[in-house]
Structures are given as C-alpha cells and as structure tokens.
Amino acid sequence: MLIREQPATELTVATRILARADALAPEGRVTLRLHDVLYVGGRGVSNHTMTPYDVVSILLADGTPLLGVPPEDVGEYVAAHGDAPDAESVGRGSDGVIVAAPSLRACTMVLIARRRGERRPDAQSLERVWQELVADARISGALIGAFPTEDATPGH
C-alpha cells in the first residue's frame, strides 16, 4: 500500500540520489518529517532500489509504527529529530554521522557535500543543485521505479 504519495516519492528520490552518491552509511537512512509523522525507508529495503511503496510512517513522539515495519535503528532517527525539533529531515551519512536539516533537499545536499569533503551548500544554489542531481539520476536510470504507477503493486 502506498502511503501519502508525494512525501513517499520525495523521500524515495532523495534516498536513491544519496545511495547513488554513496552519501549514506551502508544501513543509513534519510527521513522526512511532516508535523508529527516521520517517513523513512522500511526494514530490509535497499536504498538503491527503494520505491514509494517501501516507505513506512511512524509517530515522531514515540516511534510507534503507523504503517509498515521501520528499520531497527529508527529510534536513533526519532532521537535526532527530538534534538533538532525544527528539522524536517535527518540522515546518517557515509561517515556514520547523523545530520539534521530544515528540508529533505537540504539534508540531501549536506550529506552529499560531506561525502565529497565539501562545506555545506549555500541556500541559493540548493534548488539548482537538486535539479541537476535529479536530472543526472534520471539519465543514469537510478530513478527507474522511484515513482508510483497506477499498475504497480507493493514490492514490485
């Protein structure tokens, strides 16, 4: 079952871009918080092939699953959101460090910058860089299956 198409798709695209850039830890995740609900890739899901149907939702207050089975370390992401209450997104970078950012796109950019050994991207270039990353990922085929389709079934 697909939960909230737009956040699930946005999270899937960001996760796939981060996986392609080797910017996530091997079992790392990136999250998307909307109000009191946290979206994250489910347990056992590969970041390289995640689809919107693999996104699970949990209550941010206590980590209670609403739909799907969250990753085993979901408590660390919940705690990171508690430490950064204004963050919309947190992610575990390839260096194992959890970072927080005001948006999913900003978190993606910070994780990629850390992977490249660069400083944080400036806010003015964020949208331009995001569009370039999405275009490059589309061209390479890294986003095949990242968008829901009417005839898709969960897990396929």
N, C-alpha and C. Protein backbone atom coordinates (compact mmCIF):
# COMPACT_ATOMS: atom_id res chain seq x y z
N MET A 1 0.85 -1.17 0.00
CA MET A 1 0.00 0.00 0.00
C MET A 1 0.89 1.24 0.00
N LEU A 2 0.50 2.20 -0.77
CA LEU A 2 1.25 3.45 -0.85
C LEU A 2 0.66 4.44 0.16
N ILE A 3 1.54 4.98 1.02
CA ILE A 3 1.11 6.00 1.95
C ILE A 3 1.44 7.35 1.35
N ARG A 4 0.60 8.30 1.49
CA ARG A 4 0.82 9.67 1.03
C ARG A 4 1.84 9.75 -0.10
N GLU A 5 1.37 9.76 -1.31
CA GLU A 5 2.21 9.66 -2.50
C GLU A 5 3.33 10.69 -2.57
N GLN A 6 3.03 11.95 -2.34
CA GLN A 6 4.06 12.98 -2.51
C GLN A 6 5.23 12.81 -1.54
N PRO A 7 5.01 12.70 -0.23
CA PRO A 7 6.18 12.52 0.65
C PRO A 7 6.91 11.22 0.39
N ALA A 8 6.19 10.16 0.07
CA ALA A 8 6.84 8.87 -0.20
C ALA A 8 7.72 8.96 -1.44
N THR A 9 7.25 9.65 -2.46
CA THR A 9 8.03 9.81 -3.69
C THR A 9 9.23 10.71 -3.46
N GLU A 10 9.04 11.82 -2.76
CA GLU A 10 10.16 12.73 -2.46
C GLU A 10 11.25 12.02 -1.67
N LEU A 11 10.84 11.23 -0.68
CA LEU A 11 11.80 10.50 0.14
C LEU A 11 12.52 9.44 -0.69
N THR A 12 11.80 8.77 -1.56
CA THR A 12 12.41 7.76 -2.43
C THR A 12 13.44 8.37 -3.35
N VAL A 13 13.11 9.49 -3.99
CA VAL A 13 14.05 10.15 -4.90
C VAL A 13 15.31 10.59 -4.15
N ALA A 14 15.13 11.21 -3.00
CA ALA A 14 16.29 11.65 -2.21
C ALA A 14 17.15 10.46 -1.78
N THR A 15 16.50 9.39 -1.34
CA THR A 15 17.23 8.19 -0.90
C THR A 15 18.03 7.59 -2.05
N ARG A 16 17.41 7.49 -3.22
CA ARG A 16 18.10 6.93 -4.38
C ARG A 16 19.29 7.79 -4.81
N ILE A 17 19.12 9.11 -4.77
CA ILE A 17 20.22 10.02 -5.12
C ILE A 17 21.36 9.85 -4.13
N LEU A 18 21.03 9.79 -2.85
CA LEU A 18 22.07 9.62 -1.82
C LEU A 18 22.77 8.27 -1.95
N ALA A 19 22.01 7.23 -2.25
CA ALA A 19 22.62 5.90 -2.42
C ALA A 19 23.55 5.90 -3.62
N ARG A 20 23.13 6.51 -4.70
CA ARG A 20 23.96 6.57 -5.91
C ARG A 20 25.26 7.33 -5.66
N ALA A 21 25.20 8.34 -4.81
CA ALA A 21 26.37 9.15 -4.49
C ALA A 21 27.21 8.55 -3.36
N ASP A 22 26.81 7.38 -2.85
CA ASP A 22 27.47 6.76 -1.70
C ASP A 22 27.54 7.71 -0.51
N ALA A 23 26.49 8.51 -0.34
CA ALA A 23 26.46 9.51 0.72
C ALA A 23 25.73 9.03 1.97
N LEU A 24 25.17 7.82 1.94
CA LEU A 24 24.53 7.24 3.12
C LEU A 24 25.41 6.13 3.67
N ALA A 25 25.35 5.94 4.98
CA ALA A 25 26.03 4.80 5.60
C ALA A 25 25.41 3.53 5.02
N PRO A 26 26.11 2.39 5.08
CA PRO A 26 25.58 1.16 4.47
C PRO A 26 24.14 0.84 4.88
N GLU A 27 23.80 1.00 6.12
CA GLU A 27 22.43 0.78 6.57
C GLU A 27 21.75 2.10 6.93
N GLY A 28 22.30 3.20 6.45
CA GLY A 28 21.79 4.52 6.78
C GLY A 28 20.50 4.85 6.07
N ARG A 29 19.80 5.79 6.60
CA ARG A 29 18.52 6.25 6.05
C ARG A 29 18.49 7.76 6.07
N VAL A 30 17.54 8.29 5.33
CA VAL A 30 17.20 9.70 5.41
C VAL A 30 15.71 9.73 5.72
N THR A 31 15.28 10.70 6.50
CA THR A 31 13.88 10.77 6.92
C THR A 31 13.22 12.03 6.40
N LEU A 32 11.91 12.02 6.44
CA LEU A 32 11.11 13.19 6.12
C LEU A 32 10.04 13.32 7.20
N ARG A 33 10.04 14.47 7.89
CA ARG A 33 9.04 14.70 8.94
C ARG A 33 7.99 15.67 8.44
N LEU A 34 6.75 15.28 8.58
CA LEU A 34 5.62 16.16 8.29
C LEU A 34 4.77 16.21 9.56
N HIS A 35 4.86 17.33 10.24
CA HIS A 35 4.16 17.53 11.51
C HIS A 35 4.60 16.47 12.52
N ASP A 36 3.70 15.57 12.92
CA ASP A 36 4.05 14.57 13.95
C ASP A 36 4.29 13.18 13.38
N VAL A 37 4.42 13.08 12.06
CA VAL A 37 4.66 11.79 11.41
C VAL A 37 6.02 11.81 10.74
N LEU A 38 6.74 10.72 10.91
CA LEU A 38 8.07 10.56 10.32
C LEU A 38 8.00 9.48 9.24
N TYR A 39 8.52 9.78 8.07
CA TYR A 39 8.58 8.83 6.96
C TYR A 39 10.02 8.39 6.79
N VAL A 40 10.20 7.08 6.55
CA VAL A 40 11.55 6.51 6.42
C VAL A 40 11.42 5.21 5.61
N GLY A 41 12.51 4.83 4.96
CA GLY A 41 12.52 3.56 4.25
C GLY A 41 12.35 2.41 5.22
N GLY A 42 11.59 1.42 4.85
CA GLY A 42 11.28 0.30 5.73
C GLY A 42 12.43 -0.66 5.96
N ARG A 43 12.26 -1.51 6.93
CA ARG A 43 13.27 -2.52 7.30
C ARG A 43 13.55 -3.44 6.11
N GLY A 44 14.83 -3.67 5.87
CA GLY A 44 15.25 -4.59 4.83
C GLY A 44 15.20 -4.04 3.42
N VAL A 45 14.86 -2.76 3.27
CA VAL A 45 14.74 -2.15 1.95
C VAL A 45 16.10 -1.59 1.52
N SER A 46 16.51 -1.90 0.30
CA SER A 46 17.75 -1.36 -0.25
C SER A 46 17.55 0.10 -0.63
N ASN A 47 18.49 0.95 -0.24
CA ASN A 47 18.41 2.36 -0.61
C ASN A 47 18.51 2.56 -2.12
N HIS A 48 19.17 1.66 -2.81
CA HIS A 48 19.36 1.77 -4.26
C HIS A 48 18.10 1.44 -5.05
N THR A 49 17.23 0.62 -4.48
CA THR A 49 16.04 0.18 -5.21
C THR A 49 14.73 0.53 -4.50
N MET A 50 14.80 1.33 -3.47
CA MET A 50 13.61 1.71 -2.71
C MET A 50 12.56 2.32 -3.64
N THR A 51 11.30 2.02 -3.37
CA THR A 51 10.19 2.61 -4.09
C THR A 51 9.29 3.33 -3.09
N PRO A 52 8.36 4.15 -3.57
CA PRO A 52 7.44 4.80 -2.63
C PRO A 52 6.63 3.80 -1.80
N TYR A 53 6.47 2.59 -2.31
CA TYR A 53 5.72 1.56 -1.58
C TYR A 53 6.51 0.99 -0.40
N ASP A 54 7.81 1.27 -0.37
CA ASP A 54 8.68 0.79 0.71
C ASP A 54 8.79 1.77 1.87
N VAL A 55 8.16 2.93 1.74
CA VAL A 55 8.24 3.96 2.78
C VAL A 55 7.25 3.62 3.89
N VAL A 56 7.73 3.72 5.12
CA VAL A 56 6.87 3.47 6.27
C VAL A 56 6.67 4.77 7.04
N SER A 57 5.63 4.81 7.85
CA SER A 57 5.36 6.00 8.66
C SER A 57 5.31 5.61 10.12
N ILE A 58 5.81 6.52 10.95
CA ILE A 58 5.80 6.31 12.40
C ILE A 58 5.43 7.61 13.09
N LEU A 59 4.96 7.50 14.30
CA LEU A 59 4.69 8.69 15.12
C LEU A 59 6.01 9.21 15.66
N LEU A 60 6.26 10.47 15.46
CA LEU A 60 7.52 11.06 15.91
C LEU A 60 7.62 11.08 17.43
N ALA A 61 6.50 11.21 18.10
CA ALA A 61 6.52 11.32 19.56
C ALA A 61 7.18 10.13 20.24
N ASP A 62 6.90 8.92 19.75
CA ASP A 62 7.42 7.74 20.45
C ASP A 62 7.91 6.63 19.52
N GLY A 63 7.89 6.86 18.21
CA GLY A 63 8.38 5.85 17.27
C GLY A 63 7.40 4.73 16.97
N THR A 64 6.14 4.88 17.38
CA THR A 64 5.13 3.86 17.11
C THR A 64 4.87 3.78 15.62
N PRO A 65 5.00 2.58 15.02
CA PRO A 65 4.71 2.43 13.59
C PRO A 65 3.24 2.67 13.29
N LEU A 66 2.98 3.43 12.23
CA LEU A 66 1.61 3.64 11.76
C LEU A 66 1.32 2.72 10.60
N LEU A 67 2.30 2.59 9.71
CA LEU A 67 2.14 1.72 8.55
C LEU A 67 3.51 1.20 8.14
N GLY A 68 3.64 -0.11 8.07
CA GLY A 68 4.90 -0.72 7.66
C GLY A 68 5.81 -1.03 8.84
N VAL A 69 6.95 -1.64 8.52
CA VAL A 69 7.92 -2.03 9.54
C VAL A 69 9.16 -1.14 9.40
N PRO A 70 9.40 -0.27 10.39
CA PRO A 70 10.54 0.64 10.30
C PRO A 70 11.87 -0.09 10.49
N PRO A 71 12.97 0.54 10.08
CA PRO A 71 14.28 -0.07 10.29
C PRO A 71 14.55 -0.24 11.79
N GLU A 72 15.43 -1.17 12.11
CA GLU A 72 15.73 -1.47 13.52
C GLU A 72 16.25 -0.26 14.28
N ASP A 73 17.00 0.62 13.61
CA ASP A 73 17.60 1.76 14.29
C ASP A 73 16.74 3.03 14.22
N VAL A 74 15.45 2.87 13.99
CA VAL A 74 14.58 4.04 13.84
C VAL A 74 14.61 4.94 15.07
N GLY A 75 14.87 4.38 16.24
CA GLY A 75 14.94 5.18 17.47
C GLY A 75 16.01 6.26 17.40
N GLU A 76 17.11 5.99 16.71
CA GLU A 76 18.16 7.00 16.57
C GLU A 76 17.69 8.18 15.73
N TYR A 77 16.89 7.90 14.71
CA TYR A 77 16.36 8.98 13.87
C TYR A 77 15.30 9.79 14.62
N VAL A 78 14.48 9.09 15.40
CA VAL A 78 13.47 9.77 16.23
C VAL A 78 14.19 10.68 17.23
N ALA A 79 15.24 10.17 17.86
CA ALA A 79 16.00 10.97 18.82
C ALA A 79 16.65 12.18 18.15
N ALA A 80 17.17 11.99 16.94
CA ALA A 80 17.79 13.11 16.22
C ALA A 80 16.78 14.19 15.91
N HIS A 81 15.56 13.79 15.58
CA HIS A 81 14.50 14.79 15.36
C HIS A 81 14.14 15.48 16.68
N GLY A 82 14.18 14.75 17.78
CA GLY A 82 13.93 15.36 19.08
C GLY A 82 14.99 16.38 19.44
N ASP A 83 16.24 16.10 19.06
CA ASP A 83 17.34 17.03 19.33
C ASP A 83 17.31 18.24 18.41
N ALA A 84 16.67 18.10 17.26
CA ALA A 84 16.58 19.19 16.28
C ALA A 84 15.11 19.35 15.88
N PRO A 85 14.29 19.92 16.77
CA PRO A 85 12.84 19.96 16.53
C PRO A 85 12.42 20.74 15.30
N ASP A 86 13.26 21.62 14.78
CA ASP A 86 12.91 22.38 13.58
C ASP A 86 13.33 21.67 12.30
N ALA A 87 14.02 20.53 12.44
CA ALA A 87 14.49 19.80 11.26
C ALA A 87 13.34 19.02 10.63
N GLU A 88 13.23 19.13 9.32
CA GLU A 88 12.26 18.34 8.58
C GLU A 88 12.86 17.00 8.16
N SER A 89 14.20 16.94 8.17
CA SER A 89 14.86 15.74 7.69
C SER A 89 16.16 15.50 8.45
N VAL A 90 16.45 14.24 8.69
CA VAL A 90 17.75 13.84 9.22
C VAL A 90 18.22 12.64 8.41
N GLY A 91 19.53 12.47 8.35
CA GLY A 91 20.08 11.34 7.61
C GLY A 91 21.41 10.92 8.19
N ARG A 92 21.72 9.62 8.04
CA ARG A 92 23.00 9.09 8.51
C ARG A 92 23.94 9.03 7.31
N GLY A 93 24.97 9.88 7.35
CA GLY A 93 25.92 9.98 6.26
C GLY A 93 26.85 8.79 6.16
N SER A 94 27.60 8.76 5.08
CA SER A 94 28.54 7.67 4.84
C SER A 94 29.60 7.58 5.93
N ASP A 95 29.81 8.69 6.65
CA ASP A 95 30.77 8.69 7.76
C ASP A 95 30.13 8.25 9.07
N GLY A 96 28.83 7.88 9.04
CA GLY A 96 28.12 7.41 10.22
C GLY A 96 27.49 8.50 11.06
N VAL A 97 27.76 9.76 10.74
CA VAL A 97 27.23 10.88 11.50
C VAL A 97 25.81 11.20 11.04
N ILE A 98 24.92 11.43 12.00
CA ILE A 98 23.55 11.85 11.68
C ILE A 98 23.53 13.37 11.59
N VAL A 99 23.01 13.88 10.48
CA VAL A 99 22.87 15.32 10.29
C VAL A 99 21.40 15.67 10.21
N ALA A 100 21.08 16.89 10.58
CA ALA A 100 19.71 17.39 10.53
C ALA A 100 19.67 18.62 9.64
N ALA A 101 18.54 18.82 8.96
CA ALA A 101 18.41 19.96 8.07
C ALA A 101 16.95 20.42 8.03
N PRO A 102 16.73 21.67 7.61
CA PRO A 102 15.37 22.21 7.60
C PRO A 102 14.47 21.64 6.51
N SER A 103 15.03 20.92 5.53
CA SER A 103 14.23 20.31 4.48
C SER A 103 14.91 19.03 4.00
N LEU A 104 14.16 18.19 3.32
CA LEU A 104 14.71 16.96 2.77
C LEU A 104 15.79 17.26 1.74
N ARG A 105 15.54 18.24 0.90
CA ARG A 105 16.54 18.60 -0.11
C ARG A 105 17.82 19.13 0.53
N ALA A 106 17.66 19.95 1.56
CA ALA A 106 18.84 20.49 2.26
C ALA A 106 19.63 19.35 2.91
N CYS A 107 18.94 18.40 3.51
CA CYS A 107 19.61 17.26 4.14
C CYS A 107 20.37 16.46 3.08
N THR A 108 19.75 16.27 1.93
CA THR A 108 20.40 15.56 0.83
C THR A 108 21.68 16.27 0.42
N MET A 109 21.60 17.58 0.28
CA MET A 109 22.77 18.36 -0.14
C MET A 109 23.89 18.31 0.90
N VAL A 110 23.52 18.39 2.18
CA VAL A 110 24.52 18.34 3.25
C VAL A 110 25.22 16.98 3.25
N LEU A 111 24.45 15.90 3.10
CA LEU A 111 25.04 14.57 3.10
C LEU A 111 25.96 14.36 1.89
N ILE A 112 25.57 14.88 0.75
CA ILE A 112 26.43 14.76 -0.44
C ILE A 112 27.68 15.61 -0.27
N ALA A 113 27.52 16.82 0.26
CA ALA A 113 28.69 17.69 0.49
C ALA A 113 29.66 17.02 1.47
N ARG A 114 29.15 16.42 2.53
CA ARG A 114 30.01 15.72 3.50
C ARG A 114 30.76 14.58 2.81
N ARG A 115 30.07 13.85 1.96
CA ARG A 115 30.69 12.72 1.25
C ARG A 115 31.83 13.21 0.36
N ARG A 116 31.64 14.37 -0.25
CA ARG A 116 32.64 14.94 -1.15
C ARG A 116 33.72 15.73 -0.40
N GLY A 117 33.56 15.87 0.91
CA GLY A 117 34.53 16.64 1.69
C GLY A 117 34.40 18.14 1.49
N GLU A 118 33.20 18.58 1.10
CA GLU A 118 32.96 19.99 0.84
C GLU A 118 32.23 20.62 2.02
N ARG A 119 32.22 21.93 2.03
CA ARG A 119 31.45 22.63 3.05
C ARG A 119 29.96 22.55 2.68
N ARG A 120 29.12 22.96 3.57
CA ARG A 120 27.68 22.93 3.31
C ARG A 120 27.33 23.79 2.10
N PRO A 121 26.40 23.32 1.28
CA PRO A 121 25.99 24.13 0.13
C PRO A 121 25.21 25.36 0.59
N ASP A 122 25.32 26.45 -0.16
CA ASP A 122 24.57 27.64 0.22
C ASP A 122 23.13 27.51 -0.24
N ALA A 123 22.25 28.19 0.45
CA ALA A 123 20.81 28.07 0.19
C ALA A 123 20.44 28.51 -1.22
N GLN A 124 21.15 29.46 -1.79
CA GLN A 124 20.82 29.97 -3.12
C GLN A 124 21.05 28.91 -4.20
N SER A 125 22.02 28.06 -4.01
CA SER A 125 22.31 27.05 -5.03
C SER A 125 21.56 25.74 -4.80
N LEU A 126 20.85 25.63 -3.69
CA LEU A 126 20.20 24.38 -3.32
C LEU A 126 19.28 23.86 -4.41
N GLU A 127 18.35 24.66 -4.88
CA GLU A 127 17.39 24.21 -5.88
C GLU A 127 18.07 23.85 -7.20
N ARG A 128 19.04 24.64 -7.61
CA ARG A 128 19.76 24.36 -8.86
C ARG A 128 20.50 23.03 -8.76
N VAL A 129 21.21 22.82 -7.67
CA VAL A 129 21.96 21.58 -7.48
C VAL A 129 21.00 20.40 -7.40
N TRP A 130 19.87 20.56 -6.70
CA TRP A 130 18.89 19.48 -6.59
C TRP A 130 18.39 19.09 -7.98
N GLN A 131 18.03 20.07 -8.80
CA GLN A 131 17.54 19.77 -10.15
C GLN A 131 18.60 19.04 -10.98
N GLU A 132 19.86 19.43 -10.83
CA GLU A 132 20.95 18.75 -11.54
C GLU A 132 21.09 17.30 -11.07
N LEU A 133 21.00 17.07 -9.77
CA LEU A 133 21.10 15.71 -9.24
C LEU A 133 19.96 14.83 -9.74
N VAL A 134 18.75 15.36 -9.74
CA VAL A 134 17.60 14.59 -10.21
C VAL A 134 17.76 14.29 -11.70
N ALA A 135 18.15 15.28 -12.49
CA ALA A 135 18.33 15.06 -13.93
C ALA A 135 19.41 14.01 -14.19
N ASP A 136 20.52 14.10 -13.48
CA ASP A 136 21.60 13.14 -13.65
C ASP A 136 21.15 11.73 -13.25
N ALA A 137 20.42 11.64 -12.15
CA ALA A 137 19.94 10.33 -11.69
C ALA A 137 18.93 9.74 -12.68
N ARG A 138 18.09 10.58 -13.26
CA ARG A 138 17.13 10.10 -14.28
C ARG A 138 17.87 9.56 -15.50
N ILE A 139 18.84 10.33 -15.98
CA ILE A 139 19.60 9.93 -17.17
C ILE A 139 20.31 8.61 -16.94
N SER A 140 20.86 8.42 -15.76
CA SER A 140 21.62 7.20 -15.47
C SER A 140 20.72 5.99 -15.21
N GLY A 141 19.43 6.23 -15.05
CA GLY A 141 18.49 5.15 -14.76
C GLY A 141 18.34 4.87 -13.28
N ALA A 142 18.97 5.68 -12.43
CA ALA A 142 18.92 5.43 -10.98
C ALA A 142 17.54 5.66 -10.39
N LEU A 143 16.63 6.31 -11.13
CA LEU A 143 15.30 6.58 -10.58
C LEU A 143 14.22 5.72 -11.22
N ILE A 144 14.63 4.72 -12.00
CA ILE A 144 13.63 3.82 -12.57
C ILE A 144 12.91 3.12 -11.43
N GLY A 145 11.60 3.23 -11.41
CA GLY A 145 10.79 2.62 -10.37
C GLY A 145 10.63 3.47 -9.12
N ALA A 146 11.22 4.68 -9.13
CA ALA A 146 11.15 5.54 -7.95
C ALA A 146 9.83 6.30 -7.85
N PHE A 147 9.05 6.26 -8.91
CA PHE A 147 7.78 6.99 -8.92
C PHE A 147 6.64 5.99 -8.98
N PRO A 148 5.58 6.22 -8.21
CA PRO A 148 4.47 5.27 -8.20
C PRO A 148 3.75 5.26 -9.55
N THR A 149 3.21 4.10 -9.91
CA THR A 149 2.42 3.98 -11.11
C THR A 149 1.09 3.36 -10.74
N GLU A 150 0.10 3.59 -11.57
CA GLU A 150 -1.24 3.07 -11.27
C GLU A 150 -1.29 1.56 -11.27
N ASP A 151 -0.44 0.92 -12.10
CA ASP A 151 -0.50 -0.53 -12.19
C ASP A 151 0.52 -1.24 -11.31
N ALA A 152 1.28 -0.47 -10.51
CA ALA A 152 2.30 -1.09 -9.66
C ALA A 152 1.66 -1.75 -8.45
N THR A 153 2.26 -2.81 -8.02
CA THR A 153 1.81 -3.49 -6.80
C THR A 153 2.92 -3.40 -5.78
N PRO A 154 2.61 -3.37 -4.51
CA PRO A 154 3.65 -3.27 -3.49
C PRO A 154 4.69 -4.37 -3.64
N GLY A 155 5.95 -3.95 -3.50
CA GLY A 155 7.05 -4.90 -3.54
C GLY A 155 7.50 -5.23 -4.95
N HIS A 156 6.88 -4.61 -5.98
CA HIS A 156 7.27 -4.89 -7.37
C HIS A 156 7.67 -3.62 -8.07
